[in-house]
Amino acid sequence: MRRTDEKDAALLTESLCESGMADSVSKFPHGTDTMMTREFDDEGVSLSGGQAQKIALSRLYAKNAPIAILDEPSSALDPIAEYELFENMKRICEGRTVIFISHRLSSAISADVIFMMEHGRIIERGNHESLMRQNGKYAEMFRKQAEKYE
């Protein structure tokens, strides 16, 4: 999301590969030098929701920050793309703390710790299995969302 120079090339390529975005970017009019909007450049690209999420994941990889906060990271994705995003995110973020906010509870299944919030307060805490055993609000909401897939 900034101009790159030669010393950035390897990290840029690696981060795009890790996020699954390398093939798409290689087809952009100017490759990695393509403007990520048409607002300032007619030759820029308008990213799909999924592409924007993958670019964000690439940035997360390149930044190598110890903590990442992601708000609805899979909101624009279909179920297959969501699965791929979370698999890539788990690999990219290994050893880091990742906080992601989601209303789509299927995305929380693999989380180490889930905090169920209501009215700004934590009402339940645990992993998916323990929260399902508690049979509280999380379990109720998870089952309601899962009904749509049965």
N, C-alpha and C. Protein backbone atom coordinates (compact mmCIF):
# COMPACT_ATOMS: atom_id res chain seq x y z
N MET A 1 0.83 -1.19 0.00
CA MET A 1 0.00 0.00 0.00
C MET A 1 0.87 1.25 0.00
N ARG A 2 2.09 1.07 -0.43
CA ARG A 2 3.00 2.20 -0.60
C ARG A 2 3.93 1.87 -1.75
N ARG A 3 4.67 2.82 -2.19
CA ARG A 3 5.66 2.56 -3.24
C ARG A 3 6.71 1.60 -2.69
N THR A 4 7.10 0.67 -3.49
CA THR A 4 8.11 -0.29 -3.06
C THR A 4 9.40 -0.04 -3.81
N ASP A 5 10.48 -0.54 -3.24
CA ASP A 5 11.75 -0.46 -3.94
C ASP A 5 12.33 -1.87 -4.02
N GLU A 6 13.51 -1.99 -4.58
CA GLU A 6 14.11 -3.31 -4.82
C GLU A 6 14.27 -4.13 -3.55
N LYS A 7 14.56 -3.50 -2.43
CA LYS A 7 14.76 -4.27 -1.19
C LYS A 7 13.45 -4.88 -0.68
N ASP A 8 12.31 -4.36 -1.15
CA ASP A 8 11.01 -4.89 -0.75
C ASP A 8 10.52 -6.04 -1.62
N ALA A 9 11.17 -6.26 -2.75
CA ALA A 9 10.64 -7.19 -3.76
C ALA A 9 10.41 -8.61 -3.22
N ALA A 10 11.38 -9.16 -2.52
CA ALA A 10 11.24 -10.53 -2.03
C ALA A 10 10.11 -10.65 -1.02
N LEU A 11 10.02 -9.71 -0.08
CA LEU A 11 8.97 -9.74 0.92
C LEU A 11 7.60 -9.54 0.28
N LEU A 12 7.51 -8.65 -0.69
CA LEU A 12 6.26 -8.40 -1.40
C LEU A 12 5.78 -9.67 -2.09
N THR A 13 6.66 -10.32 -2.82
CA THR A 13 6.31 -11.55 -3.53
C THR A 13 5.90 -12.64 -2.54
N GLU A 14 6.68 -12.80 -1.49
CA GLU A 14 6.40 -13.82 -0.49
C GLU A 14 5.05 -13.58 0.19
N SER A 15 4.76 -12.33 0.55
CA SER A 15 3.50 -12.04 1.24
C SER A 15 2.30 -12.25 0.33
N LEU A 16 2.42 -11.92 -0.94
CA LEU A 16 1.32 -12.16 -1.88
C LEU A 16 1.10 -13.66 -2.10
N CYS A 17 2.17 -14.41 -2.15
CA CYS A 17 2.05 -15.87 -2.29
C CYS A 17 1.38 -16.47 -1.05
N GLU A 18 1.80 -16.04 0.12
CA GLU A 18 1.26 -16.58 1.37
C GLU A 18 -0.23 -16.30 1.52
N SER A 19 -0.70 -15.18 1.01
CA SER A 19 -2.11 -14.83 1.14
C SER A 19 -2.97 -15.42 0.02
N GLY A 20 -2.33 -15.97 -1.00
CA GLY A 20 -3.07 -16.50 -2.13
C GLY A 20 -3.45 -15.45 -3.17
N MET A 21 -2.79 -14.31 -3.14
CA MET A 21 -3.13 -13.20 -4.01
C MET A 21 -2.13 -13.00 -5.16
N ALA A 22 -1.05 -13.75 -5.18
CA ALA A 22 0.02 -13.53 -6.17
C ALA A 22 -0.47 -13.65 -7.61
N ASP A 23 -1.26 -14.67 -7.91
CA ASP A 23 -1.73 -14.86 -9.29
C ASP A 23 -2.59 -13.69 -9.75
N SER A 24 -3.48 -13.23 -8.88
CA SER A 24 -4.35 -12.10 -9.24
C SER A 24 -3.53 -10.84 -9.50
N VAL A 25 -2.59 -10.54 -8.61
CA VAL A 25 -1.79 -9.33 -8.76
C VAL A 25 -0.94 -9.39 -10.03
N SER A 26 -0.47 -10.57 -10.39
CA SER A 26 0.35 -10.68 -11.60
C SER A 26 -0.44 -10.33 -12.86
N LYS A 27 -1.76 -10.39 -12.79
CA LYS A 27 -2.62 -10.06 -13.94
C LYS A 27 -3.07 -8.60 -13.94
N PHE A 28 -2.74 -7.85 -12.90
CA PHE A 28 -3.09 -6.44 -12.86
C PHE A 28 -2.30 -5.70 -13.93
N PRO A 29 -2.81 -4.58 -14.44
CA PRO A 29 -2.14 -3.85 -15.54
C PRO A 29 -0.67 -3.54 -15.29
N HIS A 30 -0.32 -3.19 -14.05
CA HIS A 30 1.07 -2.86 -13.73
C HIS A 30 1.60 -3.76 -12.62
N GLY A 31 1.06 -4.95 -12.51
CA GLY A 31 1.51 -5.89 -11.48
C GLY A 31 1.42 -5.29 -10.10
N THR A 32 2.49 -5.39 -9.34
CA THR A 32 2.48 -4.87 -7.96
C THR A 32 2.51 -3.35 -7.91
N ASP A 33 2.75 -2.70 -9.03
CA ASP A 33 2.74 -1.24 -9.06
C ASP A 33 1.38 -0.67 -9.47
N THR A 34 0.38 -1.51 -9.56
CA THR A 34 -0.96 -1.07 -9.92
C THR A 34 -1.62 -0.38 -8.73
N MET A 35 -2.27 0.73 -8.99
CA MET A 35 -3.02 1.45 -7.97
C MET A 35 -4.22 0.58 -7.57
N MET A 36 -4.45 0.44 -6.27
CA MET A 36 -5.52 -0.43 -5.77
C MET A 36 -6.86 0.28 -5.70
N THR A 37 -7.07 1.24 -6.56
CA THR A 37 -8.34 1.94 -6.68
C THR A 37 -8.35 2.62 -8.05
N ARG A 38 -9.52 2.89 -8.55
CA ARG A 38 -9.63 3.66 -9.79
C ARG A 38 -9.87 5.15 -9.48
N GLU A 39 -10.00 5.44 -8.20
CA GLU A 39 -10.29 6.81 -7.79
C GLU A 39 -9.20 7.79 -8.23
N PHE A 40 -7.94 7.34 -8.20
CA PHE A 40 -6.82 8.22 -8.52
C PHE A 40 -6.11 7.85 -9.82
N ASP A 41 -6.48 6.71 -10.40
CA ASP A 41 -5.79 6.22 -11.59
C ASP A 41 -6.76 5.37 -12.41
N ASP A 42 -6.99 5.77 -13.66
CA ASP A 42 -7.92 5.01 -14.51
C ASP A 42 -7.43 3.59 -14.78
N GLU A 43 -6.13 3.36 -14.63
CA GLU A 43 -5.59 2.02 -14.83
C GLU A 43 -5.51 1.24 -13.52
N GLY A 44 -6.03 1.82 -12.46
CA GLY A 44 -6.08 1.13 -11.18
C GLY A 44 -7.10 0.00 -11.24
N VAL A 45 -7.15 -0.79 -10.19
CA VAL A 45 -8.10 -1.90 -10.14
C VAL A 45 -9.07 -1.69 -8.98
N SER A 46 -10.28 -2.15 -9.19
CA SER A 46 -11.27 -2.18 -8.12
C SER A 46 -11.26 -3.61 -7.58
N LEU A 47 -10.80 -3.76 -6.37
CA LEU A 47 -10.68 -5.09 -5.78
C LEU A 47 -12.04 -5.61 -5.34
N SER A 48 -12.23 -6.90 -5.50
CA SER A 48 -13.42 -7.54 -4.93
C SER A 48 -13.23 -7.58 -3.42
N GLY A 49 -14.29 -7.89 -2.70
CA GLY A 49 -14.19 -8.01 -1.25
C GLY A 49 -13.17 -9.06 -0.85
N GLY A 50 -13.17 -10.19 -1.54
CA GLY A 50 -12.22 -11.25 -1.24
C GLY A 50 -10.79 -10.85 -1.53
N GLN A 51 -10.58 -10.14 -2.64
CA GLN A 51 -9.23 -9.67 -2.96
C GLN A 51 -8.74 -8.67 -1.92
N ALA A 52 -9.61 -7.79 -1.48
CA ALA A 52 -9.23 -6.81 -0.46
C ALA A 52 -8.83 -7.52 0.83
N GLN A 53 -9.57 -8.58 1.19
CA GLN A 53 -9.24 -9.34 2.41
C GLN A 53 -7.87 -10.01 2.25
N LYS A 54 -7.59 -10.53 1.07
CA LYS A 54 -6.29 -11.19 0.84
C LYS A 54 -5.15 -10.18 0.85
N ILE A 55 -5.39 -8.99 0.33
CA ILE A 55 -4.36 -7.94 0.39
C ILE A 55 -4.10 -7.58 1.86
N ALA A 56 -5.16 -7.49 2.65
CA ALA A 56 -4.99 -7.21 4.08
C ALA A 56 -4.17 -8.31 4.75
N LEU A 57 -4.41 -9.55 4.37
CA LEU A 57 -3.64 -10.67 4.91
C LEU A 57 -2.18 -10.59 4.47
N SER A 58 -1.94 -10.17 3.24
CA SER A 58 -0.57 -9.96 2.75
C SER A 58 0.15 -8.90 3.58
N ARG A 59 -0.55 -7.83 3.87
CA ARG A 59 0.03 -6.75 4.69
C ARG A 59 0.34 -7.25 6.09
N LEU A 60 -0.56 -8.07 6.63
CA LEU A 60 -0.35 -8.65 7.95
C LEU A 60 0.91 -9.51 7.96
N TYR A 61 1.08 -10.29 6.91
CA TYR A 61 2.27 -11.14 6.79
C TYR A 61 3.54 -10.28 6.71
N ALA A 62 3.51 -9.29 5.84
CA ALA A 62 4.69 -8.45 5.63
C ALA A 62 5.05 -7.63 6.86
N LYS A 63 4.05 -7.19 7.58
CA LYS A 63 4.28 -6.34 8.76
C LYS A 63 4.92 -7.13 9.90
N ASN A 64 4.54 -8.40 10.02
CA ASN A 64 5.09 -9.28 11.06
C ASN A 64 4.90 -8.70 12.46
N ALA A 65 3.75 -8.06 12.66
CA ALA A 65 3.44 -7.50 13.98
C ALA A 65 3.07 -8.62 14.94
N PRO A 66 3.39 -8.48 16.22
CA PRO A 66 3.08 -9.55 17.18
C PRO A 66 1.58 -9.67 17.49
N ILE A 67 0.82 -8.60 17.22
CA ILE A 67 -0.62 -8.61 17.49
C ILE A 67 -1.34 -8.05 16.27
N ALA A 68 -2.43 -8.71 15.89
CA ALA A 68 -3.27 -8.24 14.79
C ALA A 68 -4.71 -8.22 15.25
N ILE A 69 -5.44 -7.19 14.85
CA ILE A 69 -6.87 -7.10 15.14
C ILE A 69 -7.59 -7.00 13.80
N LEU A 70 -8.48 -7.97 13.57
CA LEU A 70 -9.20 -8.04 12.31
C LEU A 70 -10.70 -7.96 12.59
N ASP A 71 -11.36 -7.04 11.95
CA ASP A 71 -12.80 -6.86 12.14
C ASP A 71 -13.53 -7.48 10.96
N GLU A 72 -14.28 -8.55 11.22
CA GLU A 72 -15.03 -9.28 10.19
C GLU A 72 -14.14 -9.63 9.00
N PRO A 73 -13.04 -10.36 9.22
CA PRO A 73 -12.10 -10.63 8.14
C PRO A 73 -12.66 -11.44 6.98
N SER A 74 -13.75 -12.15 7.19
CA SER A 74 -14.28 -12.98 6.11
C SER A 74 -15.67 -12.54 5.66
N SER A 75 -16.06 -11.33 6.01
CA SER A 75 -17.44 -10.89 5.74
C SER A 75 -17.78 -10.86 4.25
N ALA A 76 -16.82 -10.62 3.40
CA ALA A 76 -17.10 -10.50 1.96
C ALA A 76 -16.83 -11.80 1.20
N LEU A 77 -16.64 -12.88 1.93
CA LEU A 77 -16.21 -14.11 1.28
C LEU A 77 -17.29 -15.19 1.26
N ASP A 78 -17.23 -16.02 0.22
CA ASP A 78 -18.09 -17.20 0.19
C ASP A 78 -17.46 -18.25 1.11
N PRO A 79 -18.18 -19.32 1.44
CA PRO A 79 -17.65 -20.30 2.41
C PRO A 79 -16.31 -20.92 2.03
N ILE A 80 -16.07 -21.19 0.76
CA ILE A 80 -14.78 -21.78 0.35
C ILE A 80 -13.66 -20.78 0.51
N ALA A 81 -13.89 -19.55 0.06
CA ALA A 81 -12.87 -18.50 0.21
C ALA A 81 -12.63 -18.20 1.69
N GLU A 82 -13.69 -18.26 2.51
CA GLU A 82 -13.54 -18.04 3.94
C GLU A 82 -12.65 -19.11 4.55
N TYR A 83 -12.87 -20.36 4.17
CA TYR A 83 -12.05 -21.46 4.68
C TYR A 83 -10.58 -21.24 4.30
N GLU A 84 -10.33 -20.89 3.04
CA GLU A 84 -8.96 -20.65 2.57
C GLU A 84 -8.32 -19.48 3.32
N LEU A 85 -9.10 -18.42 3.53
CA LEU A 85 -8.57 -17.26 4.25
C LEU A 85 -8.14 -17.66 5.66
N PHE A 86 -8.98 -18.41 6.36
CA PHE A 86 -8.64 -18.78 7.73
C PHE A 86 -7.48 -19.77 7.78
N GLU A 87 -7.38 -20.65 6.81
CA GLU A 87 -6.22 -21.55 6.75
C GLU A 87 -4.94 -20.75 6.52
N ASN A 88 -4.98 -19.80 5.59
CA ASN A 88 -3.83 -18.93 5.34
C ASN A 88 -3.51 -18.09 6.57
N MET A 89 -4.55 -17.56 7.21
CA MET A 89 -4.35 -16.72 8.39
C MET A 89 -3.70 -17.52 9.52
N LYS A 90 -4.15 -18.76 9.74
CA LYS A 90 -3.55 -19.57 10.81
C LYS A 90 -2.07 -19.81 10.53
N ARG A 91 -1.74 -20.07 9.28
CA ARG A 91 -0.34 -20.32 8.92
C ARG A 91 0.49 -19.03 9.05
N ILE A 92 -0.02 -17.95 8.51
CA ILE A 92 0.69 -16.67 8.51
C ILE A 92 0.87 -16.14 9.93
N CYS A 93 -0.11 -16.33 10.77
CA CYS A 93 -0.12 -15.73 12.11
C CYS A 93 0.36 -16.67 13.21
N GLU A 94 0.93 -17.79 12.83
CA GLU A 94 1.41 -18.72 13.85
C GLU A 94 2.39 -18.02 14.78
N GLY A 95 2.16 -18.16 16.07
CA GLY A 95 3.02 -17.53 17.07
C GLY A 95 2.66 -16.09 17.38
N ARG A 96 1.61 -15.58 16.77
CA ARG A 96 1.18 -14.21 17.01
C ARG A 96 -0.18 -14.24 17.71
N THR A 97 -0.54 -13.14 18.29
CA THR A 97 -1.87 -12.98 18.87
C THR A 97 -2.76 -12.34 17.82
N VAL A 98 -3.86 -13.00 17.52
CA VAL A 98 -4.81 -12.47 16.54
C VAL A 98 -6.17 -12.34 17.22
N ILE A 99 -6.69 -11.15 17.18
CA ILE A 99 -8.03 -10.90 17.69
C ILE A 99 -8.90 -10.64 16.47
N PHE A 100 -9.91 -11.48 16.28
CA PHE A 100 -10.81 -11.18 15.18
C PHE A 100 -12.24 -11.13 15.69
N ILE A 101 -12.93 -10.14 15.16
CA ILE A 101 -14.30 -9.87 15.56
C ILE A 101 -15.19 -10.41 14.46
N SER A 102 -16.17 -11.21 14.84
CA SER A 102 -17.03 -11.81 13.83
C SER A 102 -18.41 -12.09 14.38
N HIS A 103 -19.40 -11.92 13.53
CA HIS A 103 -20.76 -12.34 13.85
C HIS A 103 -21.04 -13.70 13.23
N ARG A 104 -20.16 -14.13 12.34
CA ARG A 104 -20.28 -15.43 11.68
C ARG A 104 -19.55 -16.44 12.56
N LEU A 105 -20.29 -17.16 13.38
CA LEU A 105 -19.67 -18.01 14.39
C LEU A 105 -18.92 -19.20 13.81
N SER A 106 -19.20 -19.59 12.57
CA SER A 106 -18.43 -20.67 11.97
C SER A 106 -16.95 -20.32 11.88
N SER A 107 -16.66 -19.04 11.81
CA SER A 107 -15.26 -18.61 11.74
C SER A 107 -14.56 -18.69 13.08
N ALA A 108 -15.31 -18.87 14.17
CA ALA A 108 -14.72 -18.92 15.51
C ALA A 108 -14.33 -20.33 15.94
N ILE A 109 -14.76 -21.33 15.21
CA ILE A 109 -14.56 -22.72 15.62
C ILE A 109 -13.10 -23.04 15.94
N SER A 110 -12.19 -22.55 15.14
CA SER A 110 -10.78 -22.90 15.32
C SER A 110 -10.03 -21.96 16.27
N ALA A 111 -10.72 -20.99 16.83
CA ALA A 111 -10.06 -20.04 17.74
C ALA A 111 -9.65 -20.74 19.04
N ASP A 112 -8.52 -20.35 19.59
CA ASP A 112 -8.07 -20.88 20.87
C ASP A 112 -9.00 -20.46 22.00
N VAL A 113 -9.43 -19.20 21.96
CA VAL A 113 -10.33 -18.67 22.99
C VAL A 113 -11.38 -17.80 22.29
N ILE A 114 -12.62 -18.01 22.66
CA ILE A 114 -13.73 -17.23 22.13
C ILE A 114 -14.33 -16.44 23.30
N PHE A 115 -14.54 -15.16 23.06
CA PHE A 115 -15.22 -14.32 24.04
C PHE A 115 -16.58 -13.95 23.44
N MET A 116 -17.63 -14.42 24.04
CA MET A 116 -18.98 -14.09 23.60
C MET A 116 -19.38 -12.82 24.34
N MET A 117 -19.73 -11.80 23.57
CA MET A 117 -20.08 -10.51 24.17
C MET A 117 -21.54 -10.18 23.92
N GLU A 118 -22.11 -9.50 24.89
CA GLU A 118 -23.48 -9.01 24.77
C GLU A 118 -23.56 -7.69 25.52
N HIS A 119 -24.08 -6.68 24.86
CA HIS A 119 -24.20 -5.34 25.45
C HIS A 119 -22.85 -4.85 26.00
N GLY A 120 -21.78 -5.11 25.27
CA GLY A 120 -20.46 -4.62 25.64
C GLY A 120 -19.78 -5.37 26.77
N ARG A 121 -20.34 -6.51 27.19
CA ARG A 121 -19.76 -7.29 28.29
C ARG A 121 -19.49 -8.71 27.82
N ILE A 122 -18.44 -9.30 28.36
CA ILE A 122 -18.14 -10.71 28.08
C ILE A 122 -19.10 -11.55 28.92
N ILE A 123 -19.88 -12.38 28.23
CA ILE A 123 -20.84 -13.22 28.95
C ILE A 123 -20.43 -14.69 28.97
N GLU A 124 -19.56 -15.09 28.04
CA GLU A 124 -19.05 -16.46 28.00
C GLU A 124 -17.63 -16.43 27.46
N ARG A 125 -16.85 -17.43 27.88
CA ARG A 125 -15.45 -17.50 27.44
C ARG A 125 -15.07 -18.97 27.37
N GLY A 126 -14.34 -19.34 26.31
CA GLY A 126 -13.85 -20.71 26.17
C GLY A 126 -13.57 -21.02 24.72
N ASN A 127 -13.25 -22.27 24.44
CA ASN A 127 -13.10 -22.66 23.04
C ASN A 127 -14.46 -23.14 22.55
N HIS A 128 -14.55 -23.47 21.28
CA HIS A 128 -15.83 -23.85 20.69
C HIS A 128 -16.48 -25.02 21.43
N GLU A 129 -15.69 -26.06 21.67
CA GLU A 129 -16.25 -27.25 22.31
C GLU A 129 -16.78 -26.95 23.71
N SER A 130 -16.02 -26.21 24.51
CA SER A 130 -16.47 -25.92 25.87
C SER A 130 -17.70 -25.02 25.87
N LEU A 131 -17.76 -24.08 24.94
CA LEU A 131 -18.93 -23.21 24.86
C LEU A 131 -20.17 -23.97 24.40
N MET A 132 -19.98 -24.94 23.53
CA MET A 132 -21.13 -25.75 23.10
C MET A 132 -21.63 -26.60 24.28
N ARG A 133 -20.71 -27.10 25.10
CA ARG A 133 -21.10 -27.89 26.28
C ARG A 133 -21.83 -27.02 27.31
N GLN A 134 -21.44 -25.75 27.41
CA GLN A 134 -22.11 -24.84 28.36
C GLN A 134 -23.56 -24.62 27.97
N ASN A 135 -23.83 -24.77 26.67
CA ASN A 135 -25.19 -24.65 26.16
C ASN A 135 -25.82 -23.28 26.48
N GLY A 136 -24.99 -22.24 26.41
CA GLY A 136 -25.46 -20.89 26.67
C GLY A 136 -25.77 -20.13 25.38
N LYS A 137 -25.55 -18.85 25.42
CA LYS A 137 -25.87 -17.96 24.29
C LYS A 137 -25.05 -18.30 23.04
N TYR A 138 -23.75 -18.58 23.22
CA TYR A 138 -22.92 -18.94 22.08
C TYR A 138 -23.49 -20.17 21.39
N ALA A 139 -23.77 -21.22 22.15
CA ALA A 139 -24.29 -22.46 21.58
C ALA A 139 -25.62 -22.21 20.86
N GLU A 140 -26.47 -21.39 21.47
CA GLU A 140 -27.76 -21.07 20.86
C GLU A 140 -27.57 -20.37 19.52
N MET A 141 -26.70 -19.36 19.49
CA MET A 141 -26.46 -18.62 18.25
C MET A 141 -25.77 -19.50 17.21
N PHE A 142 -24.83 -20.32 17.64
CA PHE A 142 -24.13 -21.20 16.70
C PHE A 142 -25.14 -22.13 16.03
N ARG A 143 -26.01 -22.74 16.82
CA ARG A 143 -27.01 -23.66 16.27
C ARG A 143 -27.96 -22.95 15.31
N LYS A 144 -28.36 -21.74 15.63
CA LYS A 144 -29.25 -20.99 14.75
C LYS A 144 -28.58 -20.69 13.41
N GLN A 145 -27.30 -20.33 13.47
CA GLN A 145 -26.58 -20.07 12.22
C GLN A 145 -26.38 -21.36 11.44
N ALA A 146 -26.08 -22.45 12.13
CA ALA A 146 -25.83 -23.74 11.47
C ALA A 146 -27.09 -24.27 10.79
N GLU A 147 -28.28 -23.96 11.33
CA GLU A 147 -29.53 -24.41 10.73
C GLU A 147 -29.64 -24.00 9.27
N LYS A 148 -29.07 -22.85 8.95
CA LYS A 148 -29.16 -22.34 7.57
C LYS A 148 -28.38 -23.20 6.59
N TYR A 149 -27.46 -24.02 7.10
CA TYR A 149 -26.63 -24.84 6.23
C TYR A 149 -27.10 -26.28 6.16
N GLU A 150 -28.11 -26.63 6.95
CA GLU A 150 -28.60 -28.02 6.97
C GLU A 150 -29.68 -28.21 5.93
